[in-house]
Amino acid sequence: MKLRIIFDDKTVTATLNDSQTSREFAALLPLTLKLKDYAGEEKISDLPGRLSTAGSPAGTAAKKGDITIYAPWGNLAIFYKPHGYANGLIKIGQLDEPDALPIHTDMLSARFELAD
């Protein structure tokens, strides 16, 4: 599934994987979220509800551009720097251009929608 993430002055594209968690995320779209910086390596936001992690691995290491769900908190996380293995981190997709995520602000608004 192709995803569009629209910021004030920029649109980036991503590809969601074919997992139960990513399908549940796609079912929430369109969705506008406030992304805030976390740990100097990712942008995070709360979701309107928890997503199923059935069939997902126990955790993963994140690469730059990975779109993930952090199951213990139930939040979305988009990484702009790599992160080592974390239990409960579930990858649901990848930015098509990992360097395209705006990282210059502490908080930004993003609209997530399925691409046609």
Foldseek 3Di string as FASTA:
>chain_A
DKKWKDFPVDIFIKDFDPDQQLVVVQVPPQDKFKWFDDPNWKTKTADPDAGDCPPFDQWAWDAQFFWWAQRVRRMIIHTNHTGGIDGRTGTGIGTPDSNRDDDPDRITMITMHHDD
